[in-house]
């Protein structure tokens, strides 16, 4: 598995229909740190690759709560990774609905990511 794929899997947990505790968020941050990708690249992946694939889970009455199907997730994130200007524009316009339910958790992950390991 590539570092980017590991990031996709880790970030997707923010959209699961479950409550993540402090330990879960620290674990996500550790997995992101292990990828070696920059904070800017991780932010890009969050907004433009993972969010467009999984955001509907927060708008579903009974969403996925344990884990997204890996083949579906990785294929979708790969497709979004290839997205051009139109894709990025759609993501900017839909940023709030795509991330409203997990943005506070994402901000906390960023705090843990910035802290010494």
C-alpha atoms as a PDB file:
ATOM      1  CA  UNK A   1       0.000   0.000   0.000  1.00  0.00           C
ATOM      2  CA  UNK A   2       1.342   3.422  -0.924  1.00  0.00           C
ATOM      3  CA  UNK A   3       1.667   6.199   1.665  1.00  0.00           C
ATOM      4  CA  UNK A   4      -1.123   8.126  -0.094  1.00  0.00           C
ATOM      5  CA  UNK A   5      -3.476   5.145   0.072  1.00  0.00           C
ATOM      6  CA  UNK A   6      -2.747   4.815   3.788  1.00  0.00           C
ATOM      7  CA  UNK A   7      -3.636   8.508   4.170  1.00  0.00           C
ATOM      8  CA  UNK A   8      -6.919   7.975   2.288  1.00  0.00           C
ATOM      9  CA  UNK A   9      -7.839   5.132   4.637  1.00  0.00           C
ATOM     10  CA  UNK A  10      -6.853   7.102   7.753  1.00  0.00           C
ATOM     11  CA  UNK A  11      -8.693  10.282   6.741  1.00  0.00           C
ATOM     12  CA  UNK A  12     -11.826   8.390   5.742  1.00  0.00           C
ATOM     13  CA  UNK A  13     -12.324   7.488   9.407  1.00  0.00           C
ATOM     14  CA  UNK A  14     -13.296  11.126  10.060  1.00  0.00           C
ATOM     15  CA  UNK A  15     -16.492  10.557   8.040  1.00  0.00           C
ATOM     16  CA  UNK A  16     -17.591   7.345   9.726  1.00  0.00           C
ATOM     17  CA  UNK A  17     -20.925   7.433  11.522  1.00  0.00           C
ATOM     18  CA  UNK A  18     -19.298   6.955  14.912  1.00  0.00           C
ATOM     19  CA  UNK A  19     -17.751   9.081  17.623  1.00  0.00           C
ATOM     20  CA  UNK A  20     -13.985   9.299  17.506  1.00  0.00           C
ATOM     21  CA  UNK A  21     -12.259   9.925  20.808  1.00  0.00           C
ATOM     22  CA  UNK A  22      -8.948  11.619  21.507  1.00  0.00           C
ATOM     23  CA  UNK A  23      -7.057   8.350  21.142  1.00  0.00           C
ATOM     24  CA  UNK A  24      -8.602   7.743  17.701  1.00  0.00           C
ATOM     25  CA  UNK A  25      -7.620  11.228  16.521  1.00  0.00           C
ATOM     26  CA  UNK A  26      -4.058  10.803  17.809  1.00  0.00           C
ATOM     27  CA  UNK A  27      -3.850   7.482  15.957  1.00  0.00           C
ATOM     28  CA  UNK A  28      -5.028   9.125  12.723  1.00  0.00           C
ATOM     29  CA  UNK A  29      -2.417  11.864  13.194  1.00  0.00           C
ATOM     30  CA  UNK A  30       0.302   9.254  13.737  1.00  0.00           C
ATOM     31  CA  UNK A  31      -0.689   7.466  10.537  1.00  0.00           C
ATOM     32  CA  UNK A  32      -0.608  10.758   8.618  1.00  0.00           C
ATOM     33  CA  UNK A  33       2.800  11.625  10.081  1.00  0.00           C
ATOM     34  CA  UNK A  34       4.101   8.193   9.029  1.00  0.00           C
ATOM     35  CA  UNK A  35       3.151   8.963   5.419  1.00  0.00           C
ATOM     36  CA  UNK A  36       5.885  11.599   5.199  1.00  0.00           C
ATOM     37  CA  UNK A  37       3.557  13.936   3.293  1.00  0.00           C
ATOM     38  CA  UNK A  38       3.536  17.646   4.076  1.00  0.00           C
ATOM     39  CA  UNK A  39       0.727  19.324   5.985  1.00  0.00           C
ATOM     40  CA  UNK A  40      -0.280  21.185   2.799  1.00  0.00           C
ATOM     41  CA  UNK A  41      -0.447  17.938   0.844  1.00  0.00           C
ATOM     42  CA  UNK A  42      -2.502  16.308   3.613  1.00  0.00           C
ATOM     43  CA  UNK A  43      -4.908  19.276   3.569  1.00  0.00           C
ATOM     44  CA  UNK A  44      -5.230  18.897  -0.221  1.00  0.00           C
ATOM     45  CA  UNK A  45      -5.930  15.169   0.133  1.00  0.00           C
ATOM     46  CA  UNK A  46      -8.538  15.857   2.836  1.00  0.00           C
ATOM     47  CA  UNK A  47     -10.401  18.436   0.734  1.00  0.00           C
ATOM     48  CA  UNK A  48     -10.043  17.186  -2.825  1.00  0.00           C
ATOM     49  CA  UNK A  49      -9.542  13.428  -2.667  1.00  0.00           C
ATOM     50  CA  UNK A  50     -11.193  11.943   0.437  1.00  0.00           C
ATOM     51  CA  UNK A  51     -14.036  14.375   1.226  1.00  0.00           C
ATOM     52  CA  UNK A  52     -15.643  14.102  -2.237  1.00  0.00           C
ATOM     53  CA  UNK A  53     -15.683  10.307  -1.933  1.00  0.00           C
ATOM     54  CA  UNK A  54     -17.120   9.892   1.551  1.00  0.00           C
ATOM     55  CA  UNK A  55     -19.014  13.053   2.527  1.00  0.00           C
ATOM     56  CA  UNK A  56     -22.436  11.620   1.783  1.00  0.00           C
ATOM     57  CA  UNK A  57     -21.971   9.276   4.739  1.00  0.00           C
ATOM     58  CA  UNK A  58     -22.648  12.165   7.120  1.00  0.00           C
ATOM     59  CA  UNK A  59     -25.871  12.984   5.271  1.00  0.00           C
ATOM     60  CA  UNK A  60     -27.222   9.427   5.460  1.00  0.00           C
ATOM     61  CA  UNK A  61     -29.598   8.358   8.219  1.00  0.00           C
ATOM     62  CA  UNK A  62     -27.736   5.112   8.867  1.00  0.00           C
ATOM     63  CA  UNK A  63     -24.257   5.668   7.484  1.00  0.00           C
ATOM     64  CA  UNK A  64     -21.223   3.432   7.443  1.00  0.00           C
ATOM     65  CA  UNK A  65     -19.895   3.231  10.983  1.00  0.00           C
ATOM     66  CA  UNK A  66     -17.110   0.624  11.013  1.00  0.00           C
ATOM     67  CA  UNK A  67     -15.034   1.214   7.840  1.00  0.00           C
ATOM     68  CA  UNK A  68     -15.545   2.068   4.207  1.00  0.00           C
ATOM     69  CA  UNK A  69     -15.046  -0.740   1.717  1.00  0.00           C
ATOM     70  CA  UNK A  70     -11.345  -0.325   0.808  1.00  0.00           C
ATOM     71  CA  UNK A  71     -11.600  -1.027  -2.942  1.00  0.00           C
ATOM     72  CA  UNK A  72     -14.451   1.470  -3.307  1.00  0.00           C
ATOM     73  CA  UNK A  73     -12.640   4.081  -1.214  1.00  0.00           C
ATOM     74  CA  UNK A  74      -9.270   3.770  -2.946  1.00  0.00           C
ATOM     75  CA  UNK A  75     -10.768   3.717  -6.452  1.00  0.00           C
ATOM     76  CA  UNK A  76     -12.822   6.823  -5.721  1.00  0.00           C
ATOM     77  CA  UNK A  77      -9.923   8.698  -4.142  1.00  0.00           C
ATOM     78  CA  UNK A  78      -7.728   7.822  -7.151  1.00  0.00           C
ATOM     79  CA  UNK A  79     -10.411   9.217  -9.452  1.00  0.00           C
ATOM     80  CA  UNK A  80     -10.677  12.399  -7.384  1.00  0.00           C
ATOM     81  CA  UNK A  81      -6.876  12.707  -7.312  1.00  0.00           C
ATOM     82  CA  UNK A  82      -6.985  12.964 -11.111  1.00  0.00           C
ATOM     83  CA  UNK A  83      -9.675  15.658 -11.011  1.00  0.00           C
ATOM     84  CA  UNK A  84      -8.932  18.891 -12.795  1.00  0.00           C
ATOM     85  CA  UNK A  85     -10.051  22.469 -12.334  1.00  0.00           C
ATOM     86  CA  UNK A  86     -13.751  21.643 -12.481  1.00  0.00           C
ATOM     87  CA  UNK A  87     -13.340  19.044  -9.728  1.00  0.00           C
ATOM     88  CA  UNK A  88     -11.408  21.473  -7.505  1.00  0.00           C
ATOM     89  CA  UNK A  89     -14.033  24.187  -8.075  1.00  0.00           C
ATOM     90  CA  UNK A  90     -16.845  21.807  -7.095  1.00  0.00           C
ATOM     91  CA  UNK A  91     -14.918  20.823  -3.981  1.00  0.00           C
ATOM     92  CA  UNK A  92     -14.390  24.453  -2.992  1.00  0.00           C
ATOM     93  CA  UNK A  93     -18.088  25.203  -3.490  1.00  0.00           C
ATOM     94  CA  UNK A  94     -19.140  22.123  -1.530  1.00  0.00           C
ATOM     95  CA  UNK A  95     -16.414  22.347   1.121  1.00  0.00           C
ATOM     96  CA  UNK A  96     -18.802  23.216   3.962  1.00  0.00           C
ATOM     97  CA  UNK A  97     -21.361  20.447   3.328  1.00  0.00           C
ATOM     98  CA  UNK A  98     -18.569  17.929   2.679  1.00  0.00           C
ATOM     99  CA  UNK A  99     -16.700  18.654   5.907  1.00  0.00           C
ATOM    100  CA  UNK A 100     -19.152  20.230   8.361  1.00  0.00           C
ATOM    101  CA  UNK A 101     -19.475  17.147  10.579  1.00  0.00           C
ATOM    102  CA  UNK A 102     -15.778  16.325  10.827  1.00  0.00           C
ATOM    103  CA  UNK A 103     -13.995  19.675  10.521  1.00  0.00           C
ATOM    104  CA  UNK A 104     -13.468  20.053  14.293  1.00  0.00           C
ATOM    105  CA  UNK A 105     -11.948  16.572  14.405  1.00  0.00           C
ATOM    106  CA  UNK A 106      -9.740  17.398  11.412  1.00  0.00           C
ATOM    107  CA  UNK A 107      -8.511  20.542  13.162  1.00  0.00           C
ATOM    108  CA  UNK A 108      -7.650  18.452  16.223  1.00  0.00           C
ATOM    109  CA  UNK A 109      -5.776  15.942  14.050  1.00  0.00           C
ATOM    110  CA  UNK A 110      -3.760  18.862  12.649  1.00  0.00           C
ATOM    111  CA  UNK A 111      -2.890  19.951  16.191  1.00  0.00           C
ATOM    112  CA  UNK A 112      -1.666  16.427  17.011  1.00  0.00           C
ATOM    113  CA  UNK A 113       0.194  16.301  13.730  1.00  0.00           C
ATOM    114  CA  UNK A 114       2.101  19.484  14.610  1.00  0.00           C
ATOM    115  CA  UNK A 115       3.010  18.218  18.081  1.00  0.00           C
ATOM    116  CA  UNK A 116       6.275  16.325  18.542  1.00  0.00           C
ATOM    117  CA  UNK A 117       5.830  12.591  18.090  1.00  0.00           C
END
